PDB file of N, CA and C in Angstrom:
ATOM      1  N   MET A   1       0.858  -1.149  -0.099  1.00  0.00           N
ATOM      2  CA  MET A   1       0.125  -0.063   0.104  1.00  0.00           C
ATOM      3  C   MET A   1       0.973   1.206   0.050  1.00  0.00           C
ATOM      4  N   LYS A   2       0.445   2.244  -0.668  1.00  0.00           N
ATOM      5  CA  LYS A   2       1.260   3.461  -0.945  1.00  0.00           C
ATOM      6  C   LYS A   2       0.556   4.603  -0.131  1.00  0.00           C
ATOM      7  N   ILE A   3       1.247   5.384   0.697  1.00  0.00           N
ATOM      8  CA  ILE A   3       0.898   6.587   1.304  1.00  0.00           C
ATOM      9  C   ILE A   3       1.624   7.770   0.816  1.00  0.00           C
ATOM     10  N   HIS A   4       0.852   8.996   0.318  1.00  0.00           N
ATOM     11  CA  HIS A   4       1.515  10.087  -0.236  1.00  0.00           C
ATOM     12  C   HIS A   4       1.415  11.051   0.957  1.00  0.00           C
ATOM     13  N   VAL A   5       2.370  11.695   1.105  1.00  0.00           N
ATOM     14  CA  VAL A   5       2.526  12.797   2.247  1.00  0.00           C
ATOM     15  C   VAL A   5       3.149  14.115   1.415  1.00  0.00           C
ATOM     16  N   LYS A   6       2.283  15.219   1.501  1.00  0.00           N
ATOM     17  CA  LYS A   6       2.565  16.337   0.807  1.00  0.00           C
ATOM     18  C   LYS A   6       2.897  17.543   1.737  1.00  0.00           C
ATOM     19  N   GLY A   7       3.924  18.434   1.437  1.00  0.00           N
ATOM     20  CA  GLY A   7       4.109  19.740   2.162  1.00  0.00           C
ATOM     21  C   GLY A   7       4.803  19.378   3.779  1.00  0.00           C
ATOM     22  N   ARG A   8       4.088  20.035   4.595  1.00  0.00           N
ATOM     23  CA  ARG A   8       4.880  19.888   5.943  1.00  0.00           C
ATOM     24  C   ARG A   8       3.969  18.678   6.479  1.00  0.00           C
ATOM     25  N   PHE A   9       5.110  17.639   6.874  1.00  0.00           N
ATOM     26  CA  PHE A   9       4.807  16.498   7.657  1.00  0.00           C
ATOM     27  C   PHE A   9       4.618  16.708   9.120  1.00  0.00           C
ATOM     28  N   ASP A  10       3.810  17.065   9.810  1.00  0.00           N
ATOM     29  CA  ASP A  10       3.851  17.317  11.137  1.00  0.00           C
ATOM     30  C   ASP A  10       2.511  17.026  11.993  1.00  0.00           C
ATOM     31  N   TYR A  11       2.315  17.600  13.120  1.00  0.00           N
ATOM     32  CA  TYR A  11       1.145  16.981  13.851  1.00  0.00           C
ATOM     33  C   TYR A  11      -0.148  17.235  13.041  1.00  0.00           C
ATOM     34  N   THR A  12      -0.266  18.198  12.287  1.00  0.00           N
ATOM     35  CA  THR A  12      -1.256  18.692  11.645  1.00  0.00           C
ATOM     36  C   THR A  12      -1.875  17.454  10.681  1.00  0.00           C
ATOM     37  N   CYS A  13      -0.854  16.649  10.272  1.00  0.00           N
ATOM     38  CA  CYS A  13      -1.375  15.506   9.469  1.00  0.00           C
ATOM     39  C   CYS A  13      -1.705  14.300  10.251  1.00  0.00           C
ATOM     40  N   HIS A  14      -1.520  14.136  11.573  1.00  0.00           N
ATOM     41  CA  HIS A  14      -1.566  13.049  12.414  1.00  0.00           C
ATOM     42  C   HIS A  14      -3.114  12.255  11.984  1.00  0.00           C
ATOM     43  N   LYS A  15      -3.982  12.821  12.058  1.00  0.00           N
ATOM     44  CA  LYS A  15      -5.270  11.991  11.972  1.00  0.00           C
ATOM     45  C   LYS A  15      -5.407  11.565  10.535  1.00  0.00           C
ATOM     46  N   MET A  16      -5.030  12.208   9.593  1.00  0.00           N
ATOM     47  CA  MET A  16      -5.244  11.817   8.097  1.00  0.00           C
ATOM     48  C   MET A  16      -4.312  10.656   7.755  1.00  0.00           C
ATOM     49  N   PHE A  17      -2.878  10.950   8.605  1.00  0.00           N
ATOM     50  CA  PHE A  17      -1.951   9.912   8.225  1.00  0.00           C
ATOM     51  C   PHE A  17      -2.493   8.690   8.932  1.00  0.00           C
ATOM     52  N   LYS A  18      -2.843   8.671  10.165  1.00  0.00           N
ATOM     53  CA  LYS A  18      -3.327   7.427  10.882  1.00  0.00           C
ATOM     54  C   LYS A  18      -4.363   6.798  10.006  1.00  0.00           C
ATOM     55  N   GLU A  19      -5.354   7.566   9.715  1.00  0.00           N
ATOM     56  CA  GLU A  19      -6.559   6.996   8.886  1.00  0.00           C
ATOM     57  C   GLU A  19      -6.007   6.224   7.541  1.00  0.00           C
ATOM     58  N   ALA A  20      -5.112   6.856   6.986  1.00  0.00           N
ATOM     59  CA  ALA A  20      -4.490   6.128   5.804  1.00  0.00           C
ATOM     60  C   ALA A  20      -3.984   4.627   5.955  1.00  0.00           C
ATOM     61  N   PHE A  21      -3.539   4.346   7.121  1.00  0.00           N
ATOM     62  CA  PHE A  21      -3.292   2.975   7.303  1.00  0.00           C
ATOM     63  C   PHE A  21      -4.194   2.075   8.102  1.00  0.00           C
ATOM     64  N   THR A  22      -4.863   2.829   8.987  1.00  0.00           N
ATOM     65  CA  THR A  22      -5.822   1.991   9.916  1.00  0.00           C
ATOM     66  C   THR A  22      -6.981   1.533   9.250  1.00  0.00           C
ATOM     67  N   VAL A  23      -7.402   2.025   8.009  1.00  0.00           N
ATOM     68  CA  VAL A  23      -8.623   1.641   7.438  1.00  0.00           C
ATOM     69  C   VAL A  23      -8.334   0.255   6.741  1.00  0.00           C
ATOM     70  N   THR A  24      -7.134  -0.219   6.543  1.00  0.00           N
ATOM     71  CA  THR A  24      -6.751  -1.486   6.052  1.00  0.00           C
ATOM     72  C   THR A  24      -6.337  -2.628   7.141  1.00  0.00           C
ATOM     73  N   GLU A  25      -6.810  -3.834   7.141  1.00  0.00           N
ATOM     74  CA  GLU A  25      -6.165  -4.937   7.916  1.00  0.00           C
ATOM     75  C   GLU A  25      -5.372  -5.740   7.058  1.00  0.00           C
ATOM     76  N   ASN A  26      -4.441  -6.480   7.902  1.00  0.00           N
ATOM     77  CA  ASN A  26      -3.722  -7.489   7.116  1.00  0.00           C
ATOM     78  C   ASN A  26      -2.834  -7.126   6.233  1.00  0.00           C
ATOM     79  N   VAL A  27      -2.310  -5.639   6.230  1.00  0.00           N
ATOM     80  CA  VAL A  27      -1.405  -5.378   5.256  1.00  0.00           C
ATOM     81  C   VAL A  27      -0.046  -5.050   6.011  1.00  0.00           C
ATOM     82  N   ASN A  28       0.951  -5.659   5.618  1.00  0.00           N
ATOM     83  CA  ASN A  28       2.142  -5.380   6.492  1.00  0.00           C
ATOM     84  C   ASN A  28       3.260  -4.986   5.477  1.00  0.00           C
ATOM     85  N   SER A  29       2.879  -4.243   4.397  1.00  0.00           N
ATOM     86  CA  SER A  29       3.917  -3.729   3.346  1.00  0.00           C
ATOM     87  C   SER A  29       3.461  -2.327   2.992  1.00  0.00           C
ATOM     88  N   TYR A  30       4.146  -1.159   3.318  1.00  0.00           N
ATOM     89  CA  TYR A  30       3.802   0.007   3.124  1.00  0.00           C
ATOM     90  C   TYR A  30       5.094   0.886   2.280  1.00  0.00           C
ATOM     91  N   ASP A  31       4.575   1.681   1.334  1.00  0.00           N
ATOM     92  CA  ASP A  31       5.573   2.754   0.793  1.00  0.00           C
ATOM     93  C   ASP A  31       5.045   3.952   1.285  1.00  0.00           C
ATOM     94  N   VAL A  32       5.879   4.790   1.990  1.00  0.00           N
ATOM     95  CA  VAL A  32       5.417   6.231   2.277  1.00  0.00           C
ATOM     96  C   VAL A  32       6.229   7.089   1.328  1.00  0.00           C
ATOM     97  N   ASP A  33       5.621   7.762   0.415  1.00  0.00           N
ATOM     98  CA  ASP A  33       6.174   8.548  -0.833  1.00  0.00           C
ATOM     99  C   ASP A  33       6.172  10.062  -0.136  1.00  0.00           C
ATOM    100  N   LEU A  34       7.627  10.451   0.175  1.00  0.00           N
ATOM    101  CA  LEU A  34       7.841  11.582   0.713  1.00  0.00           C
ATOM    102  C   LEU A  34       8.402  12.553  -0.247  1.00  0.00           C
ATOM    103  N   ALA A  35       8.259  12.437  -1.516  1.00  0.00           N
ATOM    104  CA  ALA A  35       8.660  13.372  -2.588  1.00  0.00           C
ATOM    105  C   ALA A  35       8.162  14.745  -2.445  1.00  0.00           C
ATOM    106  N   LYS A  36       7.096  14.903  -1.883  1.00  0.00           N
ATOM    107  CA  LYS A  36       6.692  16.251  -2.101  1.00  0.00           C
ATOM    108  C   LYS A  36       6.588  16.782  -0.447  1.00  0.00           C
ATOM    109  N   VAL A  37       7.513  16.212   0.292  1.00  0.00           N
ATOM    110  CA  VAL A  37       7.608  16.805   1.739  1.00  0.00           C
ATOM    111  C   VAL A  37       8.865  17.635   1.873  1.00  0.00           C
ATOM    112  N   ASP A  38       8.512  18.992   2.355  1.00  0.00           N
ATOM    113  CA  ASP A  38       9.629  19.843   2.483  1.00  0.00           C
ATOM    114  C   ASP A  38       9.978  20.115   3.879  1.00  0.00           C
ATOM    115  N   TYR A  39       9.220  19.362   4.756  1.00  0.00           N
ATOM    116  CA  TYR A  39       9.540  19.671   6.223  1.00  0.00           C
ATOM    117  C   TYR A  39       8.785  18.609   6.912  1.00  0.00           C
ATOM    118  N   LEU A  40       9.817  17.932   7.897  1.00  0.00           N
ATOM    119  CA  LEU A  40       9.224  17.123   9.030  1.00  0.00           C
ATOM    120  C   LEU A  40       9.733  17.292  10.419  1.00  0.00           C
ATOM    121  N   ASP A  41       8.867  16.901  11.478  1.00  0.00           N
ATOM    122  CA  ASP A  41       9.331  17.108  12.825  1.00  0.00           C
ATOM    123  C   ASP A  41       9.233  15.785  13.564  1.00  0.00           C
ATOM    124  N   SER A  42       9.282  15.946  14.912  1.00  0.00           N
ATOM    125  CA  SER A  42       9.338  14.883  15.619  1.00  0.00           C
ATOM    126  C   SER A  42       7.979  14.090  15.592  1.00  0.00           C
ATOM    127  N   SER A  43       6.858  14.862  15.638  1.00  0.00           N
ATOM    128  CA  SER A  43       5.470  14.021  15.351  1.00  0.00           C
ATOM    129  C   SER A  43       5.445  13.183  14.193  1.00  0.00           C
ATOM    130  N   ALA A  44       6.157  13.704  12.970  1.00  0.00           N
ATOM    131  CA  ALA A  44       6.210  12.894  11.935  1.00  0.00           C
ATOM    132  C   ALA A  44       6.982  11.491  12.082  1.00  0.00           C
ATOM    133  N   LEU A  45       8.180  11.682  12.906  1.00  0.00           N
ATOM    134  CA  LEU A  45       8.765  10.696  13.068  1.00  0.00           C
ATOM    135  C   LEU A  45       8.048   9.500  13.900  1.00  0.00           C
ATOM    136  N   GLY A  46       7.163  10.089  14.891  1.00  0.00           N
ATOM    137  CA  GLY A  46       6.393   9.281  15.809  1.00  0.00           C
ATOM    138  C   GLY A  46       5.246   8.772  15.170  1.00  0.00           C
ATOM    139  N   MET A  47       4.855   9.235  14.114  1.00  0.00           N
ATOM    140  CA  MET A  47       3.695   8.653  13.048  1.00  0.00           C
ATOM    141  C   MET A  47       4.451   7.527  12.206  1.00  0.00           C
ATOM    142  N   LEU A  48       5.495   7.761  11.689  1.00  0.00           N
ATOM    143  CA  LEU A  48       6.146   6.705  10.994  1.00  0.00           C
ATOM    144  C   LEU A  48       6.370   5.250  12.002  1.00  0.00           C
ATOM    145  N   LEU A  49       6.853   5.572  13.211  1.00  0.00           N
ATOM    146  CA  LEU A  49       6.797   4.493  14.108  1.00  0.00           C
ATOM    147  C   LEU A  49       5.708   3.905  14.422  1.00  0.00           C
ATOM    148  N   LEU A  50       4.507   4.378  14.515  1.00  0.00           N
ATOM    149  CA  LEU A  50       3.301   3.958  14.744  1.00  0.00           C
ATOM    150  C   LEU A  50       2.841   3.041  13.434  1.00  0.00           C
ATOM    151  N   LEU A  51       3.311   3.588  12.135  1.00  0.00           N
ATOM    152  CA  LEU A  51       2.888   2.817  11.065  1.00  0.00           C
ATOM    153  C   LEU A  51       3.906   1.653  11.034  1.00  0.00           C
ATOM    154  N   ARG A  52       5.010   1.753  11.551  1.00  0.00           N
ATOM    155  CA  ARG A  52       5.773   0.314  11.529  1.00  0.00           C
ATOM    156  C   ARG A  52       5.345  -0.520  12.527  1.00  0.00           C
ATOM    157  N   ASP A  53       4.829  -0.127  13.692  1.00  0.00           N
ATOM    158  CA  ASP A  53       4.292  -1.065  14.578  1.00  0.00           C
ATOM    159  C   ASP A  53       2.867  -1.803  13.987  1.00  0.00           C
ATOM    160  N   HIS A  54       2.111  -0.979  13.484  1.00  0.00           N
ATOM    161  CA  HIS A  54       0.885  -1.385  12.636  1.00  0.00           C
ATOM    162  C   HIS A  54       1.261  -2.617  11.491  1.00  0.00           C
ATOM    163  N   ALA A  55       2.297  -2.359  10.857  1.00  0.00           N
ATOM    164  CA  ALA A  55       2.716  -3.051   9.802  1.00  0.00           C
ATOM    165  C   ALA A  55       3.331  -4.566  10.339  1.00  0.00           C
ATOM    166  N   GLY A  56       3.604  -4.446  11.723  1.00  0.00           N
ATOM    167  CA  GLY A  56       4.212  -5.713  12.360  1.00  0.00           C
ATOM    168  C   GLY A  56       5.527  -5.636  12.667  1.00  0.00           C
ATOM    169  N   GLY A  57       5.918  -4.526  13.058  1.00  0.00           N
ATOM    170  CA  GLY A  57       7.337  -4.055  13.657  1.00  0.00           C
ATOM    171  C   GLY A  57       8.323  -4.803  12.548  1.00  0.00           C
ATOM    172  N   ASP A  58       9.321  -5.499  13.190  1.00  0.00           N
ATOM    173  CA  ASP A  58      10.376  -6.324  12.535  1.00  0.00           C
ATOM    174  C   ASP A  58       9.816  -7.201  11.292  1.00  0.00           C
ATOM    175  N   GLN A  59       8.640  -7.787  11.415  1.00  0.00           N
ATOM    176  CA  GLN A  59       8.257  -8.531  10.447  1.00  0.00           C
ATOM    177  C   GLN A  59       7.314  -7.817   9.203  1.00  0.00           C
ATOM    178  N   GLY A  60       7.111  -6.638   9.586  1.00  0.00           N
ATOM    179  CA  GLY A  60       6.572  -5.842   8.425  1.00  0.00           C
ATOM    180  C   GLY A  60       7.766  -5.252   7.536  1.00  0.00           C
ATOM    181  N   CYS A  61       7.243  -4.309   6.607  1.00  0.00           N
ATOM    182  CA  CYS A  61       7.944  -3.719   5.449  1.00  0.00           C
ATOM    183  C   CYS A  61       7.452  -2.148   5.322  1.00  0.00           C
ATOM    184  N   VAL A  62       8.109  -1.180   5.778  1.00  0.00           N
ATOM    185  CA  VAL A  62       7.751   0.225   5.435  1.00  0.00           C
ATOM    186  C   VAL A  62       8.952   0.637   4.980  1.00  0.00           C
ATOM    187  N   ARG A  63       8.767   1.000   3.616  1.00  0.00           N
ATOM    188  CA  ARG A  63       9.663   1.930   2.912  1.00  0.00           C
ATOM    189  C   ARG A  63       9.480   3.407   2.717  1.00  0.00           C
ATOM    190  N   LEU A  64      10.534   4.280   3.035  1.00  0.00           N
ATOM    191  CA  LEU A  64      10.395   5.531   2.898  1.00  0.00           C
ATOM    192  C   LEU A  64      10.948   5.915   1.697  1.00  0.00           C
ATOM    193  N   ILE A  65      10.100   6.290   0.732  1.00  0.00           N
ATOM    194  CA  ILE A  65      10.689   6.521  -0.734  1.00  0.00           C
ATOM    195  C   ILE A  65      10.725   7.992  -1.353  1.00  0.00           C
ATOM    196  N   ASN A  66      11.410   8.258  -2.163  1.00  0.00           N
ATOM    197  CA  ASN A  66      11.529   9.677  -2.743  1.00  0.00           C
ATOM    198  C   ASN A  66      11.742  10.624  -1.774  1.00  0.00           C
ATOM    199  N   ALA A  67      12.454  10.373  -0.440  1.00  0.00           N
ATOM    200  CA  ALA A  67      12.759  11.370   0.149  1.00  0.00           C
ATOM    201  C   ALA A  67      14.132  12.245  -0.154  1.00  0.00           C
ATOM    202  N   LYS A  68      14.125  13.276  -0.005  1.00  0.00           N
ATOM    203  CA  LYS A  68      15.305  14.128  -0.552  1.00  0.00           C
ATOM    204  C   LYS A  68      15.674  15.358   0.445  1.00  0.00           C
ATOM    205  N   GLY A  69      16.922  15.745   0.119  1.00  0.00           N
ATOM    206  CA  GLY A  69      17.445  16.922   1.006  1.00  0.00           C
ATOM    207  C   GLY A  69      17.387  16.948   2.477  1.00  0.00           C
ATOM    208  N   ALA A  70      16.742  17.830   3.247  1.00  0.00           N
ATOM    209  CA  ALA A  70      16.765  17.786   4.520  1.00  0.00           C
ATOM    210  C   ALA A  70      15.725  16.944   5.341  1.00  0.00           C
ATOM    211  N   VAL A  71      14.944  16.309   4.566  1.00  0.00           N
ATOM    212  CA  VAL A  71      14.263  15.205   4.969  1.00  0.00           C
ATOM    213  C   VAL A  71      14.813  13.791   5.310  1.00  0.00           C
ATOM    214  N   VAL A  72      15.785  13.663   4.154  1.00  0.00           N
ATOM    215  CA  VAL A  72      16.588  12.485   4.404  1.00  0.00           C
ATOM    216  C   VAL A  72      17.536  12.575   5.561  1.00  0.00           C
ATOM    217  N   ASP A  73      18.103  13.991   5.652  1.00  0.00           N
ATOM    218  CA  ASP A  73      19.247  14.221   6.706  1.00  0.00           C
ATOM    219  C   ASP A  73      18.535  13.985   8.053  1.00  0.00           C
ATOM    220  N   ILE A  74      17.140  14.499   8.345  1.00  0.00           N
ATOM    221  CA  ILE A  74      16.568  14.336   9.626  1.00  0.00           C
ATOM    222  C   ILE A  74      16.345  12.778   9.835  1.00  0.00           C
ATOM    223  N   LEU A  75      15.946  12.084   8.835  1.00  0.00           N
ATOM    224  CA  LEU A  75      15.736  10.568   9.052  1.00  0.00           C
ATOM    225  C   LEU A  75      16.832   9.736   9.361  1.00  0.00           C
ATOM    226  N   LYS A  76      17.983  10.299   8.757  1.00  0.00           N
ATOM    227  CA  LYS A  76      19.384   9.578   9.177  1.00  0.00           C
ATOM    228  C   LYS A  76      19.817   9.960  10.553  1.00  0.00           C
ATOM    229  N   ILE A  77      19.789  11.388  10.885  1.00  0.00           N
ATOM    230  CA  ILE A  77      20.091  11.687  12.315  1.00  0.00           C
ATOM    231  C   ILE A  77      19.409  10.996  13.377  1.00  0.00           C
ATOM    232  N   ALA A  78      18.043  10.746  13.025  1.00  0.00           N
ATOM    233  CA  ALA A  78      17.171  10.120  13.993  1.00  0.00           C
ATOM    234  C   ALA A  78      17.432   8.271  13.741  1.00  0.00           C
ATOM    235  N   ASN A  79      18.312   8.078  13.072  1.00  0.00           N
ATOM    236  CA  ASN A  79      18.735   6.555  12.974  1.00  0.00           C
ATOM    237  C   ASN A  79      17.602   5.875  12.415  1.00  0.00           C
ATOM    238  N   PHE A  80      16.715   6.592  11.595  1.00  0.00           N
ATOM    239  CA  PHE A  80      15.641   5.574  10.761  1.00  0.00           C
ATOM    240  C   PHE A  80      16.139   4.928   9.923  1.00  0.00           C
ATOM    241  N   HIS A  81      17.129   4.865   9.238  1.00  0.00           N
ATOM    242  CA  HIS A  81      17.671   4.166   8.370  1.00  0.00           C
ATOM    243  C   HIS A  81      17.857   2.642   8.884  1.00  0.00           C
ATOM    244  N   ARG A  82      17.944   2.619  10.234  1.00  0.00           N
ATOM    245  CA  ARG A  82      18.056   1.280  10.818  1.00  0.00           C
ATOM    246  C   ARG A  82      16.569   0.578  11.061  1.00  0.00           C
ATOM    247  N   LEU A  83      15.524   1.474  10.993  1.00  0.00           N
ATOM    248  CA  LEU A  83      14.314   0.851  11.243  1.00  0.00           C
ATOM    249  C   LEU A  83      13.676   0.768   9.986  1.00  0.00           C
ATOM    250  N   PHE A  84      13.669   1.460   9.061  1.00  0.00           N
ATOM    251  CA  PHE A  84      13.051   1.623   7.726  1.00  0.00           C
ATOM    252  C   PHE A  84      14.198   1.587   6.509  1.00  0.00           C
ATOM    253  N   GLU A  85      13.484   1.070   5.368  1.00  0.00           N
ATOM    254  CA  GLU A  85      14.367   1.249   4.100  1.00  0.00           C
ATOM    255  C   GLU A  85      14.028   2.282   3.602  1.00  0.00           C
ATOM    256  N   ILE A  86      15.134   3.341   3.303  1.00  0.00           N
ATOM    257  CA  ILE A  86      14.993   4.517   2.895  1.00  0.00           C
ATOM    258  C   ILE A  86      15.552   4.533   1.337  1.00  0.00           C
ATOM    259  N   VAL A  87      14.646   4.926   0.323  1.00  0.00           N
ATOM    260  CA  VAL A  87      15.050   4.678  -0.940  1.00  0.00           C
ATOM    261  C   VAL A  87      14.810   6.076  -1.572  1.00  0.00           C
ATOM    262  N   GLU A  88      15.965   6.914  -1.844  1.00  0.00           N
ATOM    263  CA  GLU A  88      15.852   8.204  -2.206  1.00  0.00           C
ATOM    264  C   GLU A  88      15.594   8.119  -3.821  1.00  0.00           C
TER     265      GLU A  88
END
């Protein structure tokens, strides 16, 4: 399943982001397209962790795709490359 995020990825996206993955059951593979994200904060990192848990943790697959610039830098500083596959 693919989830697209645009603009600022912060707490204002929480409800919409959570609804995007909780409406489906038995899905353990997600691609989060960050191509149009120009900003993310700690709440976005928390939302990605919630998605990872929903997908099954280590047994699931969550790929962060098309991330670029400062977004990739933040993900790497937070060591998210250890929890998620980051595809630039």
